[in-house]
Amino acid sequence: MTHAATRIIQAEHQALAAMLRSLPMLLAEHRRRNETPDFHVLRAMLFYVDEFPERLHHHKESELLFPKLRKRSPLARDWLDRLDADHAKGESRIRELEHLLLGFEMMGESRRDAFEQAVRRYVDFYLEHMGIEEKHILPLAEEALTEADWAELDEAFSANRDPLTGHAPDEAYRALFSRIVHLVPAPIGLGDRATA
């Protein structure tokens, strides 16, 4: 049986992966056309990554899921140490991207390569991070955690659902998501999630 928290984490990962993959695609398309990207779109996308996954999703993994799994499965400790370290560095990594984007916007083409390279590194890092959680941590959690653990996790993760999965906690997140979906060009867009 897969618990609600696991399904929510996987759905949030899937939505975030779509957002992350669209960033380098969008940049590549602008480069191909020899155009300056729409900085408003890029700022909105980075704001989303900072606002939802960094502040809410990671917090619940590190504060609730990981400690429970540490107690119940010694097999998870090395993975959890790595993931917690990733979470701890998350805020500084997104700040670096935001700063590089601002540099590109303010200083022009001389800053484009640095931003694009940083985006690729960030996307690769994040996709690998989520892959570890899905391949190693979530299956271990499904085996090792108790029903009481899952009841608490299910309730916590259900409380603040990702707007990209169609479950915005409030109107402001729905509006942010809608703005991003409508700003990203169709071939690169985030699919039919626009109905959220």
Protein backbone atom coordinates (compact mmCIF):
# COMPACT_ATOMS: atom_id res chain seq x y z
CA MET A 1 0.00 0.00 0.00
CA THR A 2 1.29 3.45 -0.89
CA HIS A 3 0.46 6.09 1.68
CA ALA A 4 -0.96 9.53 0.91
CA ALA A 5 2.24 11.33 1.93
CA THR A 6 4.26 9.22 -0.52
CA ARG A 7 1.82 9.95 -3.34
CA ILE A 8 1.89 13.67 -2.53
CA ILE A 9 5.70 13.76 -2.43
CA GLN A 10 5.86 11.95 -5.78
CA ALA A 11 3.30 14.30 -7.34
CA GLU A 12 5.19 17.33 -6.04
CA HIS A 13 8.44 15.90 -7.41
CA GLN A 14 6.83 15.32 -10.79
CA ALA A 15 5.48 18.88 -10.92
CA LEU A 16 8.78 20.37 -9.80
CA ALA A 17 10.71 18.27 -12.34
CA ALA A 18 8.47 19.66 -15.11
CA MET A 19 9.17 23.21 -13.91
CA LEU A 20 12.91 22.59 -13.61
CA ARG A 21 13.23 20.93 -17.01
CA SER A 22 11.37 23.82 -18.63
CA LEU A 23 13.96 26.36 -17.41
CA PRO A 24 16.91 25.21 -19.56
CA MET A 25 14.55 24.46 -22.45
CA LEU A 26 13.22 28.01 -22.31
CA LEU A 27 16.73 29.44 -22.15
CA ALA A 28 17.89 27.26 -25.06
CA GLU A 29 14.94 28.35 -27.17
CA HIS A 30 15.70 32.03 -26.55
CA ARG A 31 19.36 31.45 -27.34
CA ARG A 32 18.44 29.60 -30.55
CA ARG A 33 16.32 32.59 -31.61
CA ASN A 34 19.05 34.99 -30.55
CA GLU A 35 16.59 36.65 -28.15
CA THR A 36 16.86 37.90 -24.62
CA PRO A 37 14.65 35.76 -22.39
CA ASP A 38 11.61 37.15 -20.64
CA PHE A 39 13.07 37.94 -17.22
CA HIS A 40 9.60 38.21 -15.70
CA VAL A 41 8.93 34.55 -16.58
CA LEU A 42 12.29 33.41 -15.21
CA ARG A 43 11.80 35.36 -11.98
CA ALA A 44 8.34 33.84 -11.51
CA MET A 45 9.69 30.32 -12.05
CA LEU A 46 12.56 30.79 -9.59
CA PHE A 47 10.21 32.38 -7.08
CA TYR A 48 7.98 29.31 -7.29
CA VAL A 49 10.95 26.98 -6.68
CA ASP A 50 11.99 29.07 -3.69
CA GLU A 51 8.50 29.59 -2.32
CA PHE A 52 7.03 26.11 -2.45
CA PRO A 53 9.59 23.29 -2.69
CA GLU A 54 12.37 25.02 -0.74
CA ARG A 55 10.25 26.41 2.09
CA LEU A 56 7.42 23.89 2.47
CA HIS A 57 8.21 20.58 0.79
CA HIS A 58 11.82 20.24 1.99
CA HIS A 59 10.95 21.42 5.47
CA LYS A 60 8.41 18.62 5.92
CA GLU A 61 10.80 16.02 4.57
CA SER A 62 13.68 17.11 6.83
CA GLU A 63 11.59 17.82 9.94
CA LEU A 64 9.08 14.97 9.77
CA LEU A 65 9.82 12.18 7.29
CA PHE A 66 13.59 11.91 7.63
CA PRO A 67 13.73 11.81 11.47
CA LYS A 68 11.08 9.08 11.55
CA LEU A 69 12.99 7.04 9.00
CA ARG A 70 16.30 7.56 10.84
CA LYS A 71 14.74 5.97 13.93
CA ARG A 72 13.28 3.00 12.07
CA SER A 73 15.89 2.17 9.42
CA PRO A 74 19.66 2.38 9.85
CA LEU A 75 19.96 1.61 6.12
CA ALA A 76 18.70 5.10 5.34
CA ARG A 77 21.20 7.12 7.38
CA ASP A 78 23.81 7.83 4.69
CA TRP A 79 21.15 8.81 2.15
CA LEU A 80 19.36 10.97 4.72
CA ASP A 81 22.58 12.75 5.69
CA ARG A 82 23.14 13.63 2.04
CA LEU A 83 19.54 14.75 1.49
CA ASP A 84 19.51 16.86 4.66
CA ALA A 85 22.75 18.52 3.52
CA ASP A 86 21.13 19.21 0.14
CA HIS A 87 18.12 20.76 1.87
CA ALA A 88 20.38 22.90 4.07
CA LYS A 89 22.11 24.30 0.98
CA GLY A 90 18.87 24.79 -0.94
CA GLU A 91 18.26 28.38 0.06
CA SER A 92 21.77 29.52 -0.85
CA ARG A 93 21.57 27.70 -4.19
CA ILE A 94 18.32 29.38 -5.19
CA ARG A 95 19.67 32.77 -4.00
CA GLU A 96 22.70 32.24 -6.25
CA LEU A 97 20.42 31.59 -9.23
CA GLU A 98 18.29 34.63 -8.43
CA HIS A 99 21.43 36.78 -8.17
CA LEU A 100 22.81 35.43 -11.47
CA LEU A 101 19.46 36.11 -13.13
CA LEU A 102 19.50 39.68 -11.82
CA GLY A 103 23.06 40.06 -13.11
CA PHE A 104 21.97 38.83 -16.53
CA GLU A 105 19.01 41.20 -16.55
CA MET A 106 21.01 44.23 -15.39
CA MET A 107 24.35 43.59 -17.10
CA GLY A 108 23.21 41.93 -20.30
CA GLU A 109 24.74 39.26 -22.52
CA SER A 110 28.05 39.17 -20.66
CA ARG A 111 26.18 37.42 -17.83
CA ARG A 112 24.07 35.01 -19.90
CA ASP A 113 26.49 32.05 -19.93
CA ALA A 114 27.01 32.14 -16.16
CA PHE A 115 23.26 32.09 -15.54
CA GLU A 116 22.56 29.34 -18.06
CA GLN A 117 25.35 27.15 -16.67
CA ALA A 118 24.10 27.68 -13.11
CA VAL A 119 20.57 26.73 -14.18
CA ARG A 120 21.84 23.48 -15.73
CA ARG A 121 23.83 22.63 -12.57
CA TYR A 122 20.85 23.41 -10.35
CA VAL A 123 18.43 21.37 -12.44
CA ASP A 124 20.85 18.39 -12.56
CA PHE A 125 21.39 18.61 -8.80
CA TYR A 126 17.69 18.83 -8.02
CA LEU A 127 16.66 15.99 -10.34
CA GLU A 128 19.34 13.75 -8.79
CA HIS A 129 18.18 14.74 -5.30
CA MET A 130 14.56 13.82 -6.06
CA GLY A 131 15.71 10.61 -7.72
CA ILE A 132 17.46 9.50 -4.52
CA GLU A 133 14.34 10.24 -2.51
CA GLU A 134 12.13 8.25 -4.87
CA LYS A 135 14.48 5.35 -5.51
CA HIS A 136 15.81 4.85 -1.98
CA ILE A 137 14.00 6.84 0.70
CA LEU A 138 10.32 6.48 -0.15
CA PRO A 139 10.49 2.68 -0.65
CA LEU A 140 12.38 2.32 2.65
CA ALA A 141 9.84 4.52 4.38
CA GLU A 142 6.94 2.45 3.02
CA GLU A 143 8.56 -0.65 4.53
CA ALA A 144 9.88 0.73 7.81
CA LEU A 145 7.44 3.33 9.12
CA THR A 146 4.47 2.49 11.30
CA GLU A 147 0.85 3.36 10.58
CA ALA A 148 1.05 5.98 13.34
CA ASP A 149 4.05 7.53 11.54
CA TRP A 150 2.11 7.54 8.28
CA ALA A 151 -0.99 9.09 9.84
CA GLU A 152 1.11 12.07 10.97
CA LEU A 153 2.95 12.33 7.66
CA ASP A 154 -0.23 12.01 5.59
CA GLU A 155 -1.85 14.84 7.54
CA ALA A 156 1.23 17.08 7.33
CA PHE A 157 1.85 16.64 3.62
CA SER A 158 -1.83 17.00 2.78
CA ALA A 159 -1.91 20.42 4.46
CA ASN A 160 0.16 22.35 1.91
CA ARG A 161 -0.19 20.83 -1.52
CA ASP A 162 1.85 22.13 -4.41
CA PRO A 163 0.00 24.46 -6.79
CA LEU A 164 1.57 22.63 -9.74
CA THR A 165 -0.23 19.46 -8.68
CA GLY A 166 -3.57 21.27 -8.76
CA HIS A 167 -3.82 21.73 -4.99
CA ALA A 168 -2.91 25.27 -4.06
CA PRO A 169 -3.19 26.09 -0.35
CA ASP A 170 -4.66 29.49 -1.13
CA GLU A 171 -5.65 31.81 -3.94
CA ALA A 172 -2.23 33.51 -4.05
CA TYR A 173 -0.52 30.24 -5.00
CA ARG A 174 -3.16 29.47 -7.61
CA ALA A 175 -2.61 32.93 -9.09
CA LEU A 176 1.19 32.44 -9.11
CA PHE A 177 0.87 29.09 -10.83
CA SER A 178 -1.59 30.45 -13.37
CA ARG A 179 0.73 33.37 -14.13
CA ILE A 180 3.69 31.01 -14.71
CA VAL A 181 1.70 28.64 -16.94
CA HIS A 182 0.40 31.48 -19.07
CA LEU A 183 3.80 33.15 -19.39
CA VAL A 184 5.79 30.07 -20.45
CA PRO A 185 5.56 29.49 -24.21
CA ALA A 186 3.33 26.58 -25.24
CA PRO A 187 5.97 24.14 -26.59
CA ILE A 188 7.89 24.51 -23.33
CA GLY A 189 4.89 25.03 -21.04
CA LEU A 190 3.79 22.92 -18.15
CA GLY A 191 1.07 21.01 -19.92
CA ASP A 192 -2.54 20.72 -18.90
CA ARG A 193 -1.88 21.70 -15.32
CA ALA A 194 -3.09 25.15 -16.35
CA THR A 195 -6.51 24.28 -15.00
CA ALA A 196 -5.27 24.38 -11.39
